[in-house]
PDB file of N, CA and C in Angstrom:
ATOM      1  N   UNK A   1     -18.652   4.103  12.103  1.00  0.00           N
ATOM      2  CA  UNK A   1     -17.401   4.121  11.391  1.00  0.00           C
ATOM      3  C   UNK A   1     -17.419   5.279  10.396  1.00  0.00           C
ATOM      4  N   UNK A   2     -16.277   5.864  10.194  1.00  0.00           N
ATOM      5  CA  UNK A   2     -16.178   6.958   9.242  1.00  0.00           C
ATOM      6  C   UNK A   2     -14.748   7.448   9.141  1.00  0.00           C
ATOM      7  N   UNK A   3     -14.533   8.392   8.257  1.00  0.00           N
ATOM      8  CA  UNK A   3     -13.230   9.011   8.074  1.00  0.00           C
ATOM      9  C   UNK A   3     -13.292  10.425   8.618  1.00  0.00           C
ATOM     10  N   UNK A   4     -12.334  10.803   9.430  1.00  0.00           N
ATOM     11  CA  UNK A   4     -12.285  12.129  10.017  1.00  0.00           C
ATOM     12  C   UNK A   4     -11.191  12.924   9.328  1.00  0.00           C
ATOM     13  N   UNK A   5     -11.567  14.002   8.671  1.00  0.00           N
ATOM     14  CA  UNK A   5     -10.610  14.885   8.019  1.00  0.00           C
ATOM     15  C   UNK A   5     -10.488  16.151   8.842  1.00  0.00           C
ATOM     16  N   UNK A   6      -9.306  16.418   9.357  1.00  0.00           N
ATOM     17  CA  UNK A   6      -9.071  17.588  10.182  1.00  0.00           C
ATOM     18  C   UNK A   6      -8.787  18.797   9.306  1.00  0.00           C
ATOM     19  N   UNK A   7      -9.322  19.943   9.681  1.00  0.00           N
ATOM     20  CA  UNK A   7      -9.042  21.163   8.939  1.00  0.00           C
ATOM     21  C   UNK A   7      -7.654  21.667   9.298  1.00  0.00           C
ATOM     22  N   UNK A   8      -7.026  22.308   8.351  1.00  0.00           N
ATOM     23  CA  UNK A   8      -5.704  22.857   8.595  1.00  0.00           C
ATOM     24  C   UNK A   8      -4.566  21.878   8.413  1.00  0.00           C
ATOM     25  N   UNK A   9      -4.863  20.626   8.126  1.00  0.00           N
ATOM     26  CA  UNK A   9      -3.828  19.615   7.897  1.00  0.00           C
ATOM     27  C   UNK A   9      -3.572  19.534   6.396  1.00  0.00           C
ATOM     28  N   UNK A  10      -2.310  19.541   6.006  1.00  0.00           N
ATOM     29  CA  UNK A  10      -1.957  19.480   4.590  1.00  0.00           C
ATOM     30  C   UNK A  10      -2.510  18.210   3.959  1.00  0.00           C
ATOM     31  N   UNK A  11      -3.154  18.354   2.821  1.00  0.00           N
ATOM     32  CA  UNK A  11      -3.735  17.204   2.127  1.00  0.00           C
ATOM     33  C   UNK A  11      -2.694  16.587   1.198  1.00  0.00           C
ATOM     34  N   UNK A  12      -1.741  15.917   1.793  1.00  0.00           N
ATOM     35  CA  UNK A  12      -0.666  15.287   1.040  1.00  0.00           C
ATOM     36  C   UNK A  12      -0.862  13.776   1.068  1.00  0.00           C
ATOM     37  N   UNK A  13      -0.693  13.146  -0.088  1.00  0.00           N
ATOM     38  CA  UNK A  13      -0.807  11.696  -0.176  1.00  0.00           C
ATOM     39  C   UNK A  13       0.510  11.072   0.282  1.00  0.00           C
ATOM     40  N   UNK A  14       0.435  10.203   1.291  1.00  0.00           N
ATOM     41  CA  UNK A  14       1.619   9.538   1.846  1.00  0.00           C
ATOM     42  C   UNK A  14       1.350   8.041   1.868  1.00  0.00           C
ATOM     43  N   UNK A  15       2.332   7.246   1.442  1.00  0.00           N
ATOM     44  CA  UNK A  15       2.156   5.798   1.401  1.00  0.00           C
ATOM     45  C   UNK A  15       3.260   5.056   2.124  1.00  0.00           C
ATOM     46  N   UNK A  16       2.903   3.897   2.638  1.00  0.00           N
ATOM     47  CA  UNK A  16       3.838   3.004   3.326  1.00  0.00           C
ATOM     48  C   UNK A  16       3.629   1.595   2.778  1.00  0.00           C
ATOM     49  N   UNK A  17       4.717   0.851   2.638  1.00  0.00           N
ATOM     50  CA  UNK A  17       4.621  -0.523   2.162  1.00  0.00           C
ATOM     51  C   UNK A  17       5.533  -1.426   2.989  1.00  0.00           C
ATOM     52  N   UNK A  18       5.160  -2.692   3.068  1.00  0.00           N
ATOM     53  CA  UNK A  18       5.946  -3.655   3.836  1.00  0.00           C
ATOM     54  C   UNK A  18       5.720  -5.060   3.288  1.00  0.00           C
ATOM     55  N   UNK A  19       6.784  -5.819   3.157  1.00  0.00           N
ATOM     56  CA  UNK A  19       6.692  -7.242   2.820  1.00  0.00           C
ATOM     57  C   UNK A  19       7.337  -8.005   3.964  1.00  0.00           C
ATOM     58  N   UNK A  20       6.587  -8.928   4.531  1.00  0.00           N
ATOM     59  CA  UNK A  20       7.089  -9.650   5.697  1.00  0.00           C
ATOM     60  C   UNK A  20       6.904 -11.148   5.528  1.00  0.00           C
ATOM     61  N   UNK A  21       7.470 -11.851   6.436  1.00  0.00           N
ATOM     62  CA  UNK A  21       7.253 -13.290   6.525  1.00  0.00           C
ATOM     63  C   UNK A  21       7.659 -14.015   5.251  1.00  0.00           C
ATOM     64  N   UNK A  22       8.868 -13.729   4.751  1.00  0.00           N
ATOM     65  CA  UNK A  22       9.318 -14.365   3.516  1.00  0.00           C
ATOM     66  C   UNK A  22       9.358 -15.870   3.700  1.00  0.00           C
ATOM     67  N   UNK A  23       8.569 -16.569   2.916  1.00  0.00           N
ATOM     68  CA  UNK A  23       8.481 -18.034   2.910  1.00  0.00           C
ATOM     69  C   UNK A  23       8.186 -18.590   4.301  1.00  0.00           C
ATOM     70  N   UNK A  24       7.470 -17.828   5.094  1.00  0.00           N
ATOM     71  CA  UNK A  24       7.193 -18.234   6.466  1.00  0.00           C
ATOM     72  C   UNK A  24       6.150 -19.326   6.595  1.00  0.00           C
ATOM     73  N   UNK A  25       5.248 -19.431   5.639  1.00  0.00           N
ATOM     74  CA  UNK A  25       4.217 -20.463   5.677  1.00  0.00           C
ATOM     75  C   UNK A  25       4.786 -21.731   5.050  1.00  0.00           C
ATOM     76  N   UNK A  26       4.931 -22.755   5.826  1.00  0.00           N
ATOM     77  CA  UNK A  26       5.528 -24.007   5.335  1.00  0.00           C
ATOM     78  C   UNK A  26       4.686 -24.630   4.233  1.00  0.00           C
ATOM     79  N   UNK A  27       3.389 -24.425   4.263  1.00  0.00           N
ATOM     80  CA  UNK A  27       2.498 -25.031   3.281  1.00  0.00           C
ATOM     81  C   UNK A  27       2.641 -24.480   1.873  1.00  0.00           C
ATOM     82  N   UNK A  28       2.747 -23.148   1.730  1.00  0.00           N
ATOM     83  CA  UNK A  28       2.791 -22.593   0.371  1.00  0.00           C
ATOM     84  C   UNK A  28       3.995 -21.691   0.098  1.00  0.00           C
ATOM     85  N   UNK A  29       4.776 -21.350   1.119  1.00  0.00           N
ATOM     86  CA  UNK A  29       6.006 -20.554   0.981  1.00  0.00           C
ATOM     87  C   UNK A  29       5.783 -19.160   0.391  1.00  0.00           C
ATOM     88  N   UNK A  30       4.559 -18.656   0.445  1.00  0.00           N
ATOM     89  CA  UNK A  30       4.295 -17.323  -0.101  1.00  0.00           C
ATOM     90  C   UNK A  30       4.483 -16.247   0.969  1.00  0.00           C
ATOM     91  N   UNK A  31       4.889 -15.065   0.543  1.00  0.00           N
ATOM     92  CA  UNK A  31       5.125 -13.936   1.435  1.00  0.00           C
ATOM     93  C   UNK A  31       3.835 -13.164   1.674  1.00  0.00           C
ATOM     94  N   UNK A  32       3.831 -12.412   2.745  1.00  0.00           N
ATOM     95  CA  UNK A  32       2.735 -11.507   3.038  1.00  0.00           C
ATOM     96  C   UNK A  32       3.242 -10.090   2.828  1.00  0.00           C
ATOM     97  N   UNK A  33       2.479  -9.283   2.094  1.00  0.00           N
ATOM     98  CA  UNK A  33       2.870  -7.887   1.904  1.00  0.00           C
ATOM     99  C   UNK A  33       1.649  -7.002   2.040  1.00  0.00           C
ATOM    100  N   UNK A  34       1.911  -5.738   2.312  1.00  0.00           N
ATOM    101  CA  UNK A  34       0.801  -4.817   2.494  1.00  0.00           C
ATOM    102  C   UNK A  34       1.221  -3.387   2.274  1.00  0.00           C
ATOM    103  N   UNK A  35       0.230  -2.499   2.229  1.00  0.00           N
ATOM    104  CA  UNK A  35       0.478  -1.072   2.086  1.00  0.00           C
ATOM    105  C   UNK A  35      -0.646  -0.301   2.752  1.00  0.00           C
ATOM    106  N   UNK A  36      -0.377   0.973   3.004  1.00  0.00           N
ATOM    107  CA  UNK A  36      -1.384   1.898   3.528  1.00  0.00           C
ATOM    108  C   UNK A  36      -1.089   3.274   2.949  1.00  0.00           C
ATOM    109  N   UNK A  37      -2.130   3.986   2.542  1.00  0.00           N
ATOM    110  CA  UNK A  37      -1.998   5.340   2.025  1.00  0.00           C
ATOM    111  C   UNK A  37      -2.892   6.259   2.824  1.00  0.00           C
ATOM    112  N   UNK A  38      -2.352   7.427   3.152  1.00  0.00           N
ATOM    113  CA  UNK A  38      -3.143   8.413   3.884  1.00  0.00           C
ATOM    114  C   UNK A  38      -3.195   9.710   3.091  1.00  0.00           C
ATOM    115  N   UNK A  39      -4.278  10.411   3.276  1.00  0.00           N
ATOM    116  CA  UNK A  39      -4.463  11.736   2.679  1.00  0.00           C
ATOM    117  C   UNK A  39      -4.652  12.691   3.840  1.00  0.00           C
ATOM    118  N   UNK A  40      -3.646  13.520   4.084  1.00  0.00           N
ATOM    119  CA  UNK A  40      -3.684  14.377   5.260  1.00  0.00           C
ATOM    120  C   UNK A  40      -3.533  13.531   6.503  1.00  0.00           C
ATOM    121  N   UNK A  41      -4.523  13.586   7.382  1.00  0.00           N
ATOM    122  CA  UNK A  41      -4.442  12.872   8.660  1.00  0.00           C
ATOM    123  C   UNK A  41      -5.205  11.554   8.674  1.00  0.00           C
ATOM    124  N   UNK A  42      -5.757  11.130   7.526  1.00  0.00           N
ATOM    125  CA  UNK A  42      -6.641   9.969   7.500  1.00  0.00           C
ATOM    126  C   UNK A  42      -6.163   8.909   6.511  1.00  0.00           C
ATOM    127  N   UNK A  43      -6.104   7.664   6.963  1.00  0.00           N
ATOM    128  CA  UNK A  43      -5.798   6.553   6.057  1.00  0.00           C
ATOM    129  C   UNK A  43      -6.998   6.360   5.137  1.00  0.00           C
ATOM    130  N   UNK A  44      -6.739   6.334   3.820  1.00  0.00           N
ATOM    131  CA  UNK A  44      -7.845   6.205   2.862  1.00  0.00           C
ATOM    132  C   UNK A  44      -7.888   4.855   2.172  1.00  0.00           C
ATOM    133  N   UNK A  45      -6.779   4.131   2.149  1.00  0.00           N
ATOM    134  CA  UNK A  45      -6.780   2.790   1.558  1.00  0.00           C
ATOM    135  C   UNK A  45      -5.644   1.972   2.164  1.00  0.00           C
ATOM    136  N   UNK A  46      -5.875   0.669   2.270  1.00  0.00           N
ATOM    137  CA  UNK A  46      -4.860  -0.227   2.802  1.00  0.00           C
ATOM    138  C   UNK A  46      -5.132  -1.638   2.298  1.00  0.00           C
ATOM    139  N   UNK A  47      -4.110  -2.455   2.342  1.00  0.00           N
ATOM    140  CA  UNK A  47      -4.242  -3.845   1.925  1.00  0.00           C
ATOM    141  C   UNK A  47      -3.161  -4.657   2.631  1.00  0.00           C
ATOM    142  N   UNK A  48      -3.469  -5.885   2.929  1.00  0.00           N
ATOM    143  CA  UNK A  48      -2.513  -6.816   3.509  1.00  0.00           C
ATOM    144  C   UNK A  48      -2.919  -8.212   3.060  1.00  0.00           C
ATOM    145  N   UNK A  49      -2.102  -8.831   2.231  1.00  0.00           N
ATOM    146  CA  UNK A  49      -2.446 -10.166   1.747  1.00  0.00           C
ATOM    147  C   UNK A  49      -1.218 -10.931   1.301  1.00  0.00           C
ATOM    148  N   UNK A  50      -1.416 -12.212   1.076  1.00  0.00           N
ATOM    149  CA  UNK A  50      -0.334 -13.058   0.571  1.00  0.00           C
ATOM    150  C   UNK A  50      -0.065 -12.697  -0.884  1.00  0.00           C
ATOM    151  N   UNK A  51       1.207 -12.763  -1.261  1.00  0.00           N
ATOM    152  CA  UNK A  51       1.563 -12.538  -2.651  1.00  0.00           C
ATOM    153  C   UNK A  51       1.112 -13.742  -3.477  1.00  0.00           C
ATOM    154  N   UNK A  52       0.746 -13.512  -4.739  1.00  0.00           N
ATOM    155  CA  UNK A  52       0.188 -14.606  -5.542  1.00  0.00           C
ATOM    156  C   UNK A  52       1.195 -15.681  -5.953  1.00  0.00           C
ATOM    157  N   UNK A  53       2.487 -15.359  -5.914  1.00  0.00           N
ATOM    158  CA  UNK A  53       3.503 -16.335  -6.316  1.00  0.00           C
ATOM    159  C   UNK A  53       4.560 -16.464  -5.233  1.00  0.00           C
ATOM    160  N   UNK A  54       5.380 -17.483  -5.332  1.00  0.00           N
ATOM    161  CA  UNK A  54       6.456 -17.715  -4.379  1.00  0.00           C
ATOM    162  C   UNK A  54       7.682 -16.922  -4.821  1.00  0.00           C
ATOM    163  N   UNK A  55       8.242 -16.124  -3.904  1.00  0.00           N
ATOM    164  CA  UNK A  55       9.464 -15.364  -4.196  1.00  0.00           C
ATOM    165  C   UNK A  55      10.676 -16.223  -3.845  1.00  0.00           C
ATOM    166  N   UNK A  56      11.708 -16.140  -4.687  1.00  0.00           N
ATOM    167  CA  UNK A  56      12.900 -16.952  -4.426  1.00  0.00           C
ATOM    168  C   UNK A  56      13.861 -16.276  -3.456  1.00  0.00           C
ATOM    169  N   UNK A  57      13.591 -15.018  -3.095  1.00  0.00           N
ATOM    170  CA  UNK A  57      14.420 -14.330  -2.102  1.00  0.00           C
ATOM    171  C   UNK A  57      13.590 -13.252  -1.426  1.00  0.00           C
ATOM    172  N   UNK A  58      14.079 -12.782  -0.286  1.00  0.00           N
ATOM    173  CA  UNK A  58      13.370 -11.710   0.417  1.00  0.00           C
ATOM    174  C   UNK A  58      13.401 -10.417  -0.394  1.00  0.00           C
ATOM    175  N   UNK A  59      14.449 -10.209  -1.179  1.00  0.00           N
ATOM    176  CA  UNK A  59      14.537  -9.016  -2.024  1.00  0.00           C
ATOM    177  C   UNK A  59      13.438  -9.028  -3.082  1.00  0.00           C
ATOM    178  N   UNK A  60      13.232 -10.174  -3.724  1.00  0.00           N
ATOM    179  CA  UNK A  60      12.163 -10.267  -4.728  1.00  0.00           C
ATOM    180  C   UNK A  60      10.795 -10.064  -4.093  1.00  0.00           C
ATOM    181  N   UNK A  61      10.624 -10.553  -2.881  1.00  0.00           N
ATOM    182  CA  UNK A  61       9.358 -10.346  -2.182  1.00  0.00           C
ATOM    183  C   UNK A  61       9.138  -8.859  -1.912  1.00  0.00           C
ATOM    184  N   UNK A  62      10.190  -8.140  -1.519  1.00  0.00           N
ATOM    185  CA  UNK A  62      10.086  -6.698  -1.285  1.00  0.00           C
ATOM    186  C   UNK A  62       9.751  -5.965  -2.580  1.00  0.00           C
ATOM    187  N   UNK A  63      10.391  -6.340  -3.682  1.00  0.00           N
ATOM    188  CA  UNK A  63      10.113  -5.697  -4.971  1.00  0.00           C
ATOM    189  C   UNK A  63       8.668  -5.921  -5.401  1.00  0.00           C
ATOM    190  N   UNK A  64       8.158  -7.121  -5.203  1.00  0.00           N
ATOM    191  CA  UNK A  64       6.767  -7.400  -5.578  1.00  0.00           C
ATOM    192  C   UNK A  64       5.802  -6.569  -4.735  1.00  0.00           C
ATOM    193  N   UNK A  65       6.091  -6.450  -3.454  1.00  0.00           N
ATOM    194  CA  UNK A  65       5.260  -5.623  -2.588  1.00  0.00           C
ATOM    195  C   UNK A  65       5.311  -4.162  -2.991  1.00  0.00           C
ATOM    196  N   UNK A  66       6.498  -3.678  -3.334  1.00  0.00           N
ATOM    197  CA  UNK A  66       6.651  -2.292  -3.777  1.00  0.00           C
ATOM    198  C   UNK A  66       5.942  -2.060  -5.102  1.00  0.00           C
ATOM    199  N   UNK A  67       5.943  -3.057  -5.975  1.00  0.00           N
ATOM    200  CA  UNK A  67       5.275  -2.950  -7.268  1.00  0.00           C
ATOM    201  C   UNK A  67       3.766  -2.758  -7.091  1.00  0.00           C
ATOM    202  N   UNK A  68       3.167  -3.553  -6.230  1.00  0.00           N
ATOM    203  CA  UNK A  68       1.730  -3.440  -5.974  1.00  0.00           C
ATOM    204  C   UNK A  68       1.410  -2.080  -5.358  1.00  0.00           C
ATOM    205  N   UNK A  69       2.250  -1.628  -4.442  1.00  0.00           N
ATOM    206  CA  UNK A  69       2.045  -0.330  -3.797  1.00  0.00           C
ATOM    207  C   UNK A  69       2.183   0.814  -4.793  1.00  0.00           C
ATOM    208  N   UNK A  70       3.128   0.704  -5.708  1.00  0.00           N
ATOM    209  CA  UNK A  70       3.317   1.737  -6.724  1.00  0.00           C
ATOM    210  C   UNK A  70       2.107   1.831  -7.639  1.00  0.00           C
ATOM    211  N   UNK A  71       1.566   0.695  -8.039  1.00  0.00           N
ATOM    212  CA  UNK A  71       0.357   0.700  -8.873  1.00  0.00           C
ATOM    213  C   UNK A  71      -0.799   1.384  -8.146  1.00  0.00           C
ATOM    214  N   UNK A  72      -0.945   1.100  -6.859  1.00  0.00           N
ATOM    215  CA  UNK A  72      -2.002   1.734  -6.061  1.00  0.00           C
ATOM    216  C   UNK A  72      -1.768   3.234  -5.957  1.00  0.00           C
ATOM    217  N   UNK A  73      -0.514   3.658  -5.777  1.00  0.00           N
ATOM    218  CA  UNK A  73      -0.196   5.077  -5.666  1.00  0.00           C
ATOM    219  C   UNK A  73      -0.524   5.819  -6.964  1.00  0.00           C
ATOM    220  N   UNK A  74      -0.183   5.232  -8.091  1.00  0.00           N
ATOM    221  CA  UNK A  74      -0.488   5.858  -9.384  1.00  0.00           C
ATOM    222  C   UNK A  74      -1.989   5.974  -9.574  1.00  0.00           C
ATOM    223  N   UNK A  75      -2.717   4.915  -9.255  1.00  0.00           N
ATOM    224  CA  UNK A  75      -4.173   4.940  -9.392  1.00  0.00           C
ATOM    225  C   UNK A  75      -4.781   6.011  -8.486  1.00  0.00           C
ATOM    226  N   UNK A  76      -4.312   6.092  -7.235  1.00  0.00           N
ATOM    227  CA  UNK A  76      -4.826   7.089  -6.295  1.00  0.00           C
ATOM    228  C   UNK A  76      -4.532   8.511  -6.765  1.00  0.00           C
ATOM    229  N   UNK A  77      -3.317   8.770  -7.249  1.00  0.00           N
ATOM    230  CA  UNK A  77      -2.970  10.113  -7.735  1.00  0.00           C
ATOM    231  C   UNK A  77      -3.877  10.518  -8.887  1.00  0.00           C
ATOM    232  N   UNK A  78      -4.136   9.590  -9.807  1.00  0.00           N
ATOM    233  CA  UNK A  78      -5.018   9.901 -10.938  1.00  0.00           C
ATOM    234  C   UNK A  78      -6.446  10.149 -10.476  1.00  0.00           C
ATOM    235  N   UNK A  79      -6.924   9.340  -9.521  1.00  0.00           N
ATOM    236  CA  UNK A  79      -8.270   9.526  -8.992  1.00  0.00           C
ATOM    237  C   UNK A  79      -8.399  10.870  -8.289  1.00  0.00           C
ATOM    238  N   UNK A  80      -7.420  11.200  -7.445  1.00  0.00           N
ATOM    239  CA  UNK A  80      -7.468  12.465  -6.720  1.00  0.00           C
ATOM    240  C   UNK A  80      -7.378  13.663  -7.664  1.00  0.00           C
ATOM    241  N   UNK A  81      -6.622  13.512  -8.739  1.00  0.00           N
ATOM    242  CA  UNK A  81      -6.527  14.587  -9.733  1.00  0.00           C
ATOM    243  C   UNK A  81      -7.903  14.817 -10.388  1.00  0.00           C
ATOM    244  N   UNK A  82      -8.604  13.730 -10.692  1.00  0.00           N
ATOM    245  CA  UNK A  82      -9.942  13.859 -11.272  1.00  0.00           C
ATOM    246  C   UNK A  82     -10.923  14.466 -10.290  1.00  0.00           C
ATOM    247  N   UNK A  83     -10.684  14.237  -8.995  1.00  0.00           N
ATOM    248  CA  UNK A  83     -11.556  14.785  -7.956  1.00  0.00           C
ATOM    249  C   UNK A  83     -11.115  16.180  -7.519  1.00  0.00           C
ATOM    250  N   UNK A  84     -10.137  16.743  -8.204  1.00  0.00           N
ATOM    251  CA  UNK A  84      -9.617  18.098  -7.999  1.00  0.00           C
ATOM    252  C   UNK A  84      -8.826  18.240  -6.697  1.00  0.00           C
ATOM    253  N   UNK A  85      -8.260  17.169  -6.179  1.00  0.00           N
ATOM    254  CA  UNK A  85      -7.291  17.245  -5.091  1.00  0.00           C
ATOM    255  C   UNK A  85      -5.936  17.417  -5.750  1.00  0.00           C
ATOM    256  N   UNK A  86      -5.048  18.072  -5.099  1.00  0.00           N
ATOM    257  CA  UNK A  86      -3.694  18.233  -5.624  1.00  0.00           C
ATOM    258  C   UNK A  86      -2.719  17.559  -4.673  1.00  0.00           C
ATOM    259  N   UNK A  87      -2.786  16.239  -4.622  1.00  0.00           N
ATOM    260  CA  UNK A  87      -1.949  15.470  -3.688  1.00  0.00           C
ATOM    261  C   UNK A  87      -0.599  15.182  -4.297  1.00  0.00           C
TER     262      UNK A  87
END
């Protein structure tokens, strides 16, 4: 296992987020959300898990998923800046 970084590919940080299955679990009614971030051609971080609280609408579930993804994006940008990447 490893990460393959291709030469000549722009080292741009790109992120994707998704919240699915709003209240789909009958037992706890919690949503599942996730994100993935790539640097150039390689995914460098990802997560997929149940949200910690019950959302009262699919919109709130999407906002919570976007909030977690935004926090990860800010943390990654700061880390890459310290590592001298200009993503």
